Amino acid sequence: RDVTGTSLNIGGSTSIEVSPGTTLTLAPVVSPAPGGGTVALQIDRFDPLTGWHFHKLVRVAAGQGLAWTPPALGRWRVRASFLGTPRSSPSRSGYLYVRVAKPIG
């Protein structure tokens, strides 16, 4: 099987701050590009008292992206996991961190 690597970033960065209502395009990259397969995007939310909590799991076809609008203020993180195919090994990205905050001023 081909050994794959998966990455997830926005504009080359793994950390971003946005205003409420901003829609982000989550576009995981699997390399080398598999001939199919699925990528699972795990979205977590940070609670200042109890830490990170699972929020949602979304599956997309490898090579596809997802338009996502964080539903609330706060800190979020997203990780992409390529689930593999008979010809390509599974792999997982590091976290993309998103802070949703109202602009000052």
PDB file of N, CA and C in Angstrom:
ATOM      1  N   ARG A   1       0.829  -1.189   0.000  1.00  0.00           N
ATOM      2  CA  ARG A   1       0.000   0.000   0.000  1.00  0.00           C
ATOM      3  C   ARG A   1       0.872   1.251   0.000  1.00  0.00           C
ATOM      4  N   ASP A   2       0.355   2.295  -0.646  1.00  0.00           N
ATOM      5  CA  ASP A   2       1.047   3.585  -0.615  1.00  0.00           C
ATOM      6  C   ASP A   2       0.954   4.177   0.785  1.00  0.00           C
ATOM      7  N   VAL A   3       2.059   4.717   1.269  1.00  0.00           N
ATOM      8  CA  VAL A   3       2.062   5.408   2.556  1.00  0.00           C
ATOM      9  C   VAL A   3       1.620   6.839   2.298  1.00  0.00           C
ATOM     10  N   THR A   4       0.576   7.288   3.006  1.00  0.00           N
ATOM     11  CA  THR A   4       0.033   8.625   2.779  1.00  0.00           C
ATOM     12  C   THR A   4       0.342   9.546   3.949  1.00  0.00           C
ATOM     13  N   GLY A   5       0.195  10.820   3.689  1.00  0.00           N
ATOM     14  CA  GLY A   5       0.269  11.854   4.717  1.00  0.00           C
ATOM     15  C   GLY A   5      -0.932  12.770   4.523  1.00  0.00           C
ATOM     16  N   THR A   6      -1.496  13.264   5.605  1.00  0.00           N
ATOM     17  CA  THR A   6      -2.661  14.143   5.523  1.00  0.00           C
ATOM     18  C   THR A   6      -2.342  15.448   6.225  1.00  0.00           C
ATOM     19  N   SER A   7      -2.730  16.553   5.607  1.00  0.00           N
ATOM     20  CA  SER A   7      -2.521  17.863   6.224  1.00  0.00           C
ATOM     21  C   SER A   7      -3.803  18.677   6.144  1.00  0.00           C
ATOM     22  N   LEU A   8      -3.930  19.617   7.059  1.00  0.00           N
ATOM     23  CA  LEU A   8      -5.092  20.506   7.100  1.00  0.00           C
ATOM     24  C   LEU A   8      -4.622  21.862   7.592  1.00  0.00           C
ATOM     25  N   ASN A   9      -4.767  22.875   6.747  1.00  0.00           N
ATOM     26  CA  ASN A   9      -4.427  24.233   7.148  1.00  0.00           C
ATOM     27  C   ASN A   9      -5.257  25.224   6.348  1.00  0.00           C
ATOM     28  N   ILE A  10      -5.220  26.468   6.762  1.00  0.00           N
ATOM     29  CA  ILE A  10      -5.912  27.530   6.035  1.00  0.00           C
ATOM     30  C   ILE A  10      -4.879  28.601   5.731  1.00  0.00           C
ATOM     31  N   GLY A  11      -4.645  28.836   4.454  1.00  0.00           N
ATOM     32  CA  GLY A  11      -3.652  29.829   4.045  1.00  0.00           C
ATOM     33  C   GLY A  11      -2.256  29.492   4.531  1.00  0.00           C
ATOM     34  N   GLY A  12      -1.949  28.211   4.672  1.00  0.00           N
ATOM     35  CA  GLY A  12      -0.629  27.791   5.116  1.00  0.00           C
ATOM     36  C   GLY A  12      -0.454  27.826   6.628  1.00  0.00           C
ATOM     37  N   SER A  13      -1.473  28.208   7.355  1.00  0.00           N
ATOM     38  CA  SER A  13      -1.381  28.308   8.808  1.00  0.00           C
ATOM     39  C   SER A  13      -2.249  27.242   9.489  1.00  0.00           C
ATOM     40  N   THR A  14      -1.803  26.791  10.653  1.00  0.00           N
ATOM     41  CA  THR A  14      -2.590  25.833  11.422  1.00  0.00           C
ATOM     42  C   THR A  14      -3.313  26.510  12.587  1.00  0.00           C
ATOM     43  N   SER A  15      -3.305  27.850  12.596  1.00  0.00           N
ATOM     44  CA  SER A  15      -4.007  28.608  13.631  1.00  0.00           C
ATOM     45  C   SER A  15      -4.574  29.871  12.994  1.00  0.00           C
ATOM     46  N   ILE A  16      -5.854  30.142  13.265  1.00  0.00           N
ATOM     47  CA  ILE A  16      -6.503  31.290  12.636  1.00  0.00           C
ATOM     48  C   ILE A  16      -7.507  31.899  13.605  1.00  0.00           C
ATOM     49  N   GLU A  17      -7.696  33.221  13.521  1.00  0.00           N
ATOM     50  CA  GLU A  17      -8.717  33.910  14.307  1.00  0.00           C
ATOM     51  C   GLU A  17      -9.710  34.536  13.337  1.00  0.00           C
ATOM     52  N   VAL A  18     -11.004  34.322  13.601  1.00  0.00           N
ATOM     53  CA  VAL A  18     -12.050  34.828  12.709  1.00  0.00           C
ATOM     54  C   VAL A  18     -13.143  35.510  13.524  1.00  0.00           C
ATOM     55  N   SER A  19     -13.954  36.297  12.835  1.00  0.00           N
ATOM     56  CA  SER A  19     -15.120  36.938  13.438  1.00  0.00           C
ATOM     57  C   SER A  19     -16.300  35.974  13.411  1.00  0.00           C
ATOM     58  N   PRO A  20     -17.277  36.172  14.310  1.00  0.00           N
ATOM     59  CA  PRO A  20     -18.470  35.320  14.287  1.00  0.00           C
ATOM     60  C   PRO A  20     -19.146  35.370  12.918  1.00  0.00           C
ATOM     61  N   GLY A  21     -19.653  34.240  12.469  1.00  0.00           N
ATOM     62  CA  GLY A  21     -20.345  34.159  11.185  1.00  0.00           C
ATOM     63  C   GLY A  21     -19.446  33.909   9.993  1.00  0.00           C
ATOM     64  N   THR A  22     -18.137  33.846  10.199  1.00  0.00           N
ATOM     65  CA  THR A  22     -17.201  33.603   9.105  1.00  0.00           C
ATOM     66  C   THR A  22     -17.252  32.133   8.691  1.00  0.00           C
ATOM     67  N   THR A  23     -17.377  31.902   7.393  1.00  0.00           N
ATOM     68  CA  THR A  23     -17.372  30.534   6.873  1.00  0.00           C
ATOM     69  C   THR A  23     -15.954  30.185   6.426  1.00  0.00           C
ATOM     70  N   LEU A  24     -15.461  29.055   6.900  1.00  0.00           N
ATOM     71  CA  LEU A  24     -14.129  28.576   6.563  1.00  0.00           C
ATOM     72  C   LEU A  24     -14.239  27.403   5.601  1.00  0.00           C
ATOM     73  N   THR A  25     -13.282  27.295   4.697  1.00  0.00           N
ATOM     74  CA  THR A  25     -13.224  26.134   3.818  1.00  0.00           C
ATOM     75  C   THR A  25     -12.166  25.188   4.360  1.00  0.00           C
ATOM     76  N   LEU A  26     -12.630  24.052   4.860  1.00  0.00           N
ATOM     77  CA  LEU A  26     -11.732  23.028   5.364  1.00  0.00           C
ATOM     78  C   LEU A  26     -11.424  22.087   4.208  1.00  0.00           C
ATOM     79  N   ALA A  27     -10.180  22.115   3.757  1.00  0.00           N
ATOM     80  CA  ALA A  27      -9.794  21.325   2.587  1.00  0.00           C
ATOM     81  C   ALA A  27      -8.588  20.457   2.925  1.00  0.00           C
ATOM     82  N   PRO A  28      -8.811  19.264   3.476  1.00  0.00           N
ATOM     83  CA  PRO A  28      -7.689  18.390   3.791  1.00  0.00           C
ATOM     84  C   PRO A  28      -6.978  17.916   2.528  1.00  0.00           C
ATOM     85  N   VAL A  29      -5.671  17.771   2.637  1.00  0.00           N
ATOM     86  CA  VAL A  29      -4.861  17.313   1.506  1.00  0.00           C
ATOM     87  C   VAL A  29      -4.231  15.970   1.884  1.00  0.00           C
ATOM     88  N   VAL A  30      -4.491  14.956   1.068  1.00  0.00           N
ATOM     89  CA  VAL A  30      -3.888  13.639   1.253  1.00  0.00           C
ATOM     90  C   VAL A  30      -2.830  13.479   0.173  1.00  0.00           C
ATOM     91  N   SER A  31      -1.621  13.104   0.583  1.00  0.00           N
ATOM     92  CA  SER A  31      -0.516  12.996  -0.359  1.00  0.00           C
ATOM     93  C   SER A  31       0.203  11.657  -0.150  1.00  0.00           C
ATOM     94  N   PRO A  32       0.491  10.894  -1.202  1.00  0.00           N
ATOM     95  CA  PRO A  32       0.051  11.109  -2.580  1.00  0.00           C
ATOM     96  C   PRO A  32      -1.458  10.944  -2.690  1.00  0.00           C
ATOM     97  N   ALA A  33      -2.023  11.640  -3.663  1.00  0.00           N
ATOM     98  CA  ALA A  33      -3.477  11.643  -3.831  1.00  0.00           C
ATOM     99  C   ALA A  33      -3.980  10.222  -4.081  1.00  0.00           C
ATOM    100  N   PRO A  34      -4.884   9.766  -3.219  1.00  0.00           N
ATOM    101  CA  PRO A  34      -5.418   8.411  -3.407  1.00  0.00           C
ATOM    102  C   PRO A  34      -6.483   8.401  -4.500  1.00  0.00           C
ATOM    103  N   GLY A  35      -6.755   7.266  -5.040  1.00  0.00           N
ATOM    104  CA  GLY A  35      -7.811   7.142  -6.047  1.00  0.00           C
ATOM    105  C   GLY A  35      -9.145   6.870  -5.378  1.00  0.00           C
ATOM    106  N   GLY A  36      -9.561   7.739  -4.491  1.00  0.00           N
ATOM    107  CA  GLY A  36     -10.820   7.559  -3.770  1.00  0.00           C
ATOM    108  C   GLY A  36     -10.578   7.583  -2.283  1.00  0.00           C
ATOM    109  N   GLY A  37     -11.549   7.108  -1.557  1.00  0.00           N
ATOM    110  CA  GLY A  37     -11.421   7.066  -0.109  1.00  0.00           C
ATOM    111  C   GLY A  37     -12.178   8.197   0.569  1.00  0.00           C
ATOM    112  N   THR A  38     -12.139   8.193   1.882  1.00  0.00           N
ATOM    113  CA  THR A  38     -12.901   9.132   2.694  1.00  0.00           C
ATOM    114  C   THR A  38     -11.992   9.794   3.720  1.00  0.00           C
ATOM    115  N   VAL A  39     -12.278  11.072   3.981  1.00  0.00           N
ATOM    116  CA  VAL A  39     -11.590  11.815   5.033  1.00  0.00           C
ATOM    117  C   VAL A  39     -12.621  12.181   6.089  1.00  0.00           C
ATOM    118  N   ALA A  40     -12.326  11.872   7.341  1.00  0.00           N
ATOM    119  CA  ALA A  40     -13.199  12.242   8.458  1.00  0.00           C
ATOM    120  C   ALA A  40     -12.630  13.502   9.109  1.00  0.00           C
ATOM    121  N   LEU A  41     -13.471  14.520   9.259  1.00  0.00           N
ATOM    122  CA  LEU A  41     -13.082  15.768   9.919  1.00  0.00           C
ATOM    123  C   LEU A  41     -13.710  15.784  11.310  1.00  0.00           C
ATOM    124  N   GLN A  42     -12.885  15.733  12.337  1.00  0.00           N
ATOM    125  CA  GLN A  42     -13.366  15.776  13.708  1.00  0.00           C
ATOM    126  C   GLN A  42     -13.254  17.206  14.211  1.00  0.00           C
ATOM    127  N   ILE A  43     -14.370  17.762  14.661  1.00  0.00           N
ATOM    128  CA  ILE A  43     -14.428  19.136  15.145  1.00  0.00           C
ATOM    129  C   ILE A  43     -14.672  19.092  16.657  1.00  0.00           C
ATOM    130  N   ASP A  44     -13.801  19.772  17.401  1.00  0.00           N
ATOM    131  CA  ASP A  44     -13.898  19.818  18.857  1.00  0.00           C
ATOM    132  C   ASP A  44     -14.022  21.273  19.310  1.00  0.00           C
ATOM    133  N   ARG A  45     -14.650  21.470  20.471  1.00  0.00           N
ATOM    134  CA  ARG A  45     -14.794  22.804  21.061  1.00  0.00           C
ATOM    135  C   ARG A  45     -14.120  22.813  22.425  1.00  0.00           C
ATOM    136  N   PHE A  46     -13.495  23.938  22.760  1.00  0.00           N
ATOM    137  CA  PHE A  46     -12.809  24.052  24.036  1.00  0.00           C
ATOM    138  C   PHE A  46     -13.714  24.675  25.086  1.00  0.00           C
ATOM    139  N   ASP A  47     -13.838  24.005  26.219  1.00  0.00           N
ATOM    140  CA  ASP A  47     -14.550  24.535  27.373  1.00  0.00           C
ATOM    141  C   ASP A  47     -13.492  24.925  28.394  1.00  0.00           C
ATOM    142  N   PRO A  48     -13.473  26.199  28.837  1.00  0.00           N
ATOM    143  CA  PRO A  48     -12.411  26.635  29.740  1.00  0.00           C
ATOM    144  C   PRO A  48     -12.366  25.880  31.074  1.00  0.00           C
ATOM    145  N   LEU A  49     -13.470  25.291  31.477  1.00  0.00           N
ATOM    146  CA  LEU A  49     -13.494  24.569  32.753  1.00  0.00           C
ATOM    147  C   LEU A  49     -13.107  23.102  32.620  1.00  0.00           C
ATOM    148  N   THR A  50     -13.471  22.472  31.514  1.00  0.00           N
ATOM    149  CA  THR A  50     -13.280  21.024  31.395  1.00  0.00           C
ATOM    150  C   THR A  50     -12.434  20.590  30.199  1.00  0.00           C
ATOM    151  N   GLY A  51     -11.941  21.522  29.396  1.00  0.00           N
ATOM    152  CA  GLY A  51     -11.054  21.172  28.291  1.00  0.00           C
ATOM    153  C   GLY A  51     -11.783  20.904  26.980  1.00  0.00           C
ATOM    154  N   TRP A  52     -11.145  20.123  26.121  1.00  0.00           N
ATOM    155  CA  TRP A  52     -11.664  19.862  24.786  1.00  0.00           C
ATOM    156  C   TRP A  52     -12.797  18.845  24.817  1.00  0.00           C
ATOM    157  N   HIS A  53     -13.854  19.138  24.028  1.00  0.00           N
ATOM    158  CA  HIS A  53     -15.013  18.247  23.916  1.00  0.00           C
ATOM    159  C   HIS A  53     -15.337  18.004  22.450  1.00  0.00           C
ATOM    160  N   PHE A  54     -15.643  16.762  22.129  1.00  0.00           N
ATOM    161  CA  PHE A  54     -16.075  16.415  20.774  1.00  0.00           C
ATOM    162  C   PHE A  54     -17.340  17.202  20.437  1.00  0.00           C
ATOM    163  N   HIS A  55     -17.385  17.758  19.210  1.00  0.00           N
ATOM    164  CA  HIS A  55     -18.562  18.490  18.747  1.00  0.00           C
ATOM    165  C   HIS A  55     -19.251  17.776  17.582  1.00  0.00           C
ATOM    166  N   LYS A  56     -18.459  17.396  16.571  1.00  0.00           N
ATOM    167  CA  LYS A  56     -19.059  16.837  15.356  1.00  0.00           C
ATOM    168  C   LYS A  56     -18.015  16.069  14.556  1.00  0.00           C
ATOM    169  N   LEU A  57     -18.487  15.055  13.820  1.00  0.00           N
ATOM    170  CA  LEU A  57     -17.653  14.322  12.878  1.00  0.00           C
ATOM    171  C   LEU A  57     -18.320  14.400  11.514  1.00  0.00           C
ATOM    172  N   VAL A  58     -17.566  14.879  10.529  1.00  0.00           N
ATOM    173  CA  VAL A  58     -18.090  15.030   9.171  1.00  0.00           C
ATOM    174  C   VAL A  58     -17.179  14.249   8.233  1.00  0.00           C
ATOM    175  N   ARG A  59     -17.782  13.471   7.343  1.00  0.00           N
ATOM    176  CA  ARG A  59     -17.004  12.697   6.365  1.00  0.00           C
ATOM    177  C   ARG A  59     -17.154  13.330   4.989  1.00  0.00           C
ATOM    178  N   VAL A  60     -16.027  13.461   4.299  1.00  0.00           N
ATOM    179  CA  VAL A  60     -16.015  13.983   2.928  1.00  0.00           C
ATOM    180  C   VAL A  60     -15.159  13.048   2.078  1.00  0.00           C
ATOM    181  N   ALA A  61     -15.398  13.070   0.786  1.00  0.00           N
ATOM    182  CA  ALA A  61     -14.574  12.286  -0.136  1.00  0.00           C
ATOM    183  C   ALA A  61     -13.171  12.883  -0.179  1.00  0.00           C
ATOM    184  N   ALA A  62     -12.164  12.024  -0.290  1.00  0.00           N
ATOM    185  CA  ALA A  62     -10.791  12.509  -0.411  1.00  0.00           C
ATOM    186  C   ALA A  62     -10.698  13.454  -1.601  1.00  0.00           C
ATOM    187  N   GLY A  63     -10.053  14.586  -1.412  1.00  0.00           N
ATOM    188  CA  GLY A  63      -9.942  15.588  -2.458  1.00  0.00           C
ATOM    189  C   GLY A  63     -11.039  16.637  -2.402  1.00  0.00           C
ATOM    190  N   GLN A  64     -12.028  16.450  -1.551  1.00  0.00           N
ATOM    191  CA  GLN A  64     -13.124  17.406  -1.404  1.00  0.00           C
ATOM    192  C   GLN A  64     -12.917  18.236  -0.143  1.00  0.00           C
ATOM    193  N   GLY A  65     -13.596  19.384  -0.095  1.00  0.00           N
ATOM    194  CA  GLY A  65     -13.526  20.251   1.065  1.00  0.00           C
ATOM    195  C   GLY A  65     -14.888  20.380   1.717  1.00  0.00           C
ATOM    196  N   LEU A  66     -14.932  21.137   2.783  1.00  0.00           N
ATOM    197  CA  LEU A  66     -16.163  21.357   3.532  1.00  0.00           C
ATOM    198  C   LEU A  66     -16.234  22.826   3.925  1.00  0.00           C
ATOM    199  N   ALA A  67     -17.355  23.480   3.625  1.00  0.00           N
ATOM    200  CA  ALA A  67     -17.590  24.842   4.104  1.00  0.00           C
ATOM    201  C   ALA A  67     -18.162  24.721   5.511  1.00  0.00           C
ATOM    202  N   TRP A  68     -17.490  25.342   6.491  1.00  0.00           N
ATOM    203  CA  TRP A  68     -17.890  25.217   7.890  1.00  0.00           C
ATOM    204  C   TRP A  68     -17.889  26.591   8.555  1.00  0.00           C
ATOM    205  N   THR A  69     -18.976  26.892   9.227  1.00  0.00           N
ATOM    206  CA  THR A  69     -19.089  28.122  10.004  1.00  0.00           C
ATOM    207  C   THR A  69     -19.129  27.731  11.473  1.00  0.00           C
ATOM    208  N   PRO A  70     -18.119  28.129  12.257  1.00  0.00           N
ATOM    209  CA  PRO A  70     -18.161  27.804  13.679  1.00  0.00           C
ATOM    210  C   PRO A  70     -19.451  28.338  14.298  1.00  0.00           C
ATOM    211  N   PRO A  71     -20.181  27.492  15.046  1.00  0.00           N
ATOM    212  CA  PRO A  71     -21.500  27.889  15.529  1.00  0.00           C
ATOM    213  C   PRO A  71     -21.509  28.816  16.737  1.00  0.00           C
ATOM    214  N   ALA A  72     -20.338  29.083  17.336  1.00  0.00           N
ATOM    215  CA  ALA A  72     -20.325  29.923  18.535  1.00  0.00           C
ATOM    216  C   ALA A  72     -18.941  30.541  18.736  1.00  0.00           C
ATOM    217  N   LEU A  73     -18.897  31.559  19.583  1.00  0.00           N
ATOM    218  CA  LEU A  73     -17.624  32.154  19.973  1.00  0.00           C
ATOM    219  C   LEU A  73     -16.795  31.112  20.711  1.00  0.00           C
ATOM    220  N   GLY A  74     -15.494  31.301  20.723  1.00  0.00           N
ATOM    221  CA  GLY A  74     -14.636  30.417  21.497  1.00  0.00           C
ATOM    222  C   GLY A  74     -13.542  29.795  20.668  1.00  0.00           C
ATOM    223  N   ARG A  75     -12.943  28.753  21.223  1.00  0.00           N
ATOM    224  CA  ARG A  75     -11.837  28.053  20.577  1.00  0.00           C
ATOM    225  C   ARG A  75     -12.323  26.722  20.034  1.00  0.00           C
ATOM    226  N   TRP A  76     -11.892  26.425  18.811  1.00  0.00           N
ATOM    227  CA  TRP A  76     -12.264  25.198  18.114  1.00  0.00           C
ATOM    228  C   TRP A  76     -10.995  24.566  17.563  1.00  0.00           C
ATOM    229  N   ARG A  77     -11.061  23.257  17.328  1.00  0.00           N
ATOM    230  CA  ARG A  77      -9.964  22.588  16.632  1.00  0.00           C
ATOM    231  C   ARG A  77     -10.550  21.526  15.711  1.00  0.00           C
ATOM    232  N   VAL A  78      -9.831  21.305  14.603  1.00  0.00           N
ATOM    233  CA  VAL A  78     -10.287  20.351  13.596  1.00  0.00           C
ATOM    234  C   VAL A  78      -9.104  19.472  13.222  1.00  0.00           C
ATOM    235  N   ARG A  79      -9.368  18.174  13.093  1.00  0.00           N
ATOM    236  CA  ARG A  79      -8.350  17.222  12.661  1.00  0.00           C
ATOM    237  C   ARG A  79      -8.923  16.396  11.522  1.00  0.00           C
ATOM    238  N   ALA A  80      -8.105  16.166  10.496  1.00  0.00           N
ATOM    239  CA  ALA A  80      -8.521  15.367   9.338  1.00  0.00           C
ATOM    240  C   ALA A  80      -7.865  13.994   9.409  1.00  0.00           C
ATOM    241  N   SER A  81      -8.668  12.954   9.214  1.00  0.00           N
ATOM    242  CA  SER A  81      -8.156  11.581   9.195  1.00  0.00           C
ATOM    243  C   SER A  81      -8.566  10.915   7.884  1.00  0.00           C
ATOM    244  N   PHE A  82      -7.573  10.576   7.062  1.00  0.00           N
ATOM    245  CA  PHE A  82      -7.839   9.806   5.849  1.00  0.00           C
ATOM    246  C   PHE A  82      -8.007   8.357   6.289  1.00  0.00           C
ATOM    247  N   LEU A  83      -9.133   7.747   5.929  1.00  0.00           N
ATOM    248  CA  LEU A  83      -9.466   6.422   6.434  1.00  0.00           C
ATOM    249  C   LEU A  83      -8.801   5.288   5.667  1.00  0.00           C
ATOM    250  N   GLY A  84      -8.136   5.610   4.579  1.00  0.00           N
ATOM    251  CA  GLY A  84      -7.408   4.602   3.820  1.00  0.00           C
ATOM    252  C   GLY A  84      -8.267   3.905   2.776  1.00  0.00           C
ATOM    253  N   THR A  85      -7.613   3.196   1.884  1.00  0.00           N
ATOM    254  CA  THR A  85      -8.249   2.378   0.852  1.00  0.00           C
ATOM    255  C   THR A  85      -7.431   1.092   0.764  1.00  0.00           C
ATOM    256  N   PRO A  86      -7.875   0.142  -0.026  1.00  0.00           N
ATOM    257  CA  PRO A  86      -7.047  -1.063  -0.184  1.00  0.00           C
ATOM    258  C   PRO A  86      -5.648  -0.766  -0.734  1.00  0.00           C
ATOM    259  N   ARG A  87      -5.481   0.363  -1.435  1.00  0.00           N
ATOM    260  CA  ARG A  87      -4.174   0.689  -2.034  1.00  0.00           C
ATOM    261  C   ARG A  87      -3.440   1.813  -1.315  1.00  0.00           C
ATOM    262  N   SER A  88      -4.091   2.519  -0.381  1.00  0.00           N
ATOM    263  CA  SER A  88      -3.470   3.654   0.314  1.00  0.00           C
ATOM    264  C   SER A  88      -3.679   3.521   1.818  1.00  0.00           C
ATOM    265  N   SER A  89      -2.608   3.737   2.563  1.00  0.00           N
ATOM    266  CA  SER A  89      -2.678   3.591   4.022  1.00  0.00           C
ATOM    267  C   SER A  89      -3.433   4.766   4.650  1.00  0.00           C
ATOM    268  N   PRO A  90      -4.006   4.559   5.825  1.00  0.00           N
ATOM    269  CA  PRO A  90      -4.649   5.671   6.529  1.00  0.00           C
ATOM    270  C   PRO A  90      -3.594   6.634   7.078  1.00  0.00           C
ATOM    271  N   SER A  91      -4.002   7.874   7.304  1.00  0.00           N
ATOM    272  CA  SER A  91      -3.110   8.874   7.896  1.00  0.00           C
ATOM    273  C   SER A  91      -3.953   9.963   8.540  1.00  0.00           C
ATOM    274  N   ARG A  92      -3.314  10.778   9.362  1.00  0.00           N
ATOM    275  CA  ARG A  92      -4.048  11.792  10.105  1.00  0.00           C
ATOM    276  C   ARG A  92      -3.230  13.072  10.180  1.00  0.00           C
ATOM    277  N   SER A  93      -3.914  14.206  10.108  1.00  0.00           N
ATOM    278  CA  SER A  93      -3.249  15.503  10.194  1.00  0.00           C
ATOM    279  C   SER A  93      -3.067  15.903  11.654  1.00  0.00           C
ATOM    280  N   GLY A  94      -2.318  16.973  11.846  1.00  0.00           N
ATOM    281  CA  GLY A  94      -2.305  17.643  13.140  1.00  0.00           C
ATOM    282  C   GLY A  94      -3.562  18.494  13.240  1.00  0.00           C
ATOM    283  N   TYR A  95      -3.696  19.237  14.313  1.00  0.00           N
ATOM    284  CA  TYR A  95      -4.890  20.051  14.506  1.00  0.00           C
ATOM    285  C   TYR A  95      -4.772  21.401  13.818  1.00  0.00           C
ATOM    286  N   LEU A  96      -5.910  21.863  13.304  1.00  0.00           N
ATOM    287  CA  LEU A  96      -6.096  23.242  12.855  1.00  0.00           C
ATOM    288  C   LEU A  96      -6.874  23.915  13.977  1.00  0.00           C
ATOM    289  N   TYR A  97      -6.335  25.006  14.534  1.00  0.00           N
ATOM    290  CA  TYR A  97      -6.987  25.700  15.640  1.00  0.00           C
ATOM    291  C   TYR A  97      -7.673  26.954  15.121  1.00  0.00           C
ATOM    292  N   VAL A  98      -8.911  27.161  15.578  1.00  0.00           N
ATOM    293  CA  VAL A  98      -9.713  28.309  15.147  1.00  0.00           C
ATOM    294  C   VAL A  98     -10.211  29.032  16.397  1.00  0.00           C
ATOM    295  N   ARG A  99      -9.958  30.328  16.467  1.00  0.00           N
ATOM    296  CA  ARG A  99     -10.500  31.145  17.559  1.00  0.00           C
ATOM    297  C   ARG A  99     -11.545  32.066  16.963  1.00  0.00           C
ATOM    298  N   VAL A 100     -12.744  32.011  17.501  1.00  0.00           N
ATOM    299  CA  VAL A 100     -13.842  32.869  17.033  1.00  0.00           C
ATOM    300  C   VAL A 100     -14.059  33.934  18.096  1.00  0.00           C
ATOM    301  N   ALA A 101     -13.852  35.200  17.702  1.00  0.00           N
ATOM    302  CA  ALA A 101     -13.955  36.296  18.653  1.00  0.00           C
ATOM    303  C   ALA A 101     -14.517  37.532  17.969  1.00  0.00           C
ATOM    304  N   LYS A 102     -15.243  38.332  18.727  1.00  0.00           N
ATOM    305  CA  LYS A 102     -15.756  39.593  18.194  1.00  0.00           C
ATOM    306  C   LYS A 102     -14.591  40.561  18.048  1.00  0.00           C
ATOM    307  N   PRO A 103     -14.588  41.331  16.948  1.00  0.00           N
ATOM    308  CA  PRO A 103     -13.506  42.314  16.766  1.00  0.00           C
ATOM    309  C   PRO A 103     -13.583  43.385  17.854  1.00  0.00           C
ATOM    310  N   ILE A 104     -12.425  43.856  18.275  1.00  0.00           N
ATOM    311  CA  ILE A 104     -12.368  44.922  19.274  1.00  0.00           C
ATOM    312  C   ILE A 104     -12.571  46.255  18.576  1.00  0.00           C
ATOM    313  N   GLY A 105     -13.439  47.069  19.137  1.00  0.00           N
ATOM    314  CA  GLY A 105     -13.631  48.402  18.556  1.00  0.00           C
ATOM    315  C   GLY A 105     -14.994  48.717  18.137  1.00  0.00           C
TER     316      GLY A 105
END
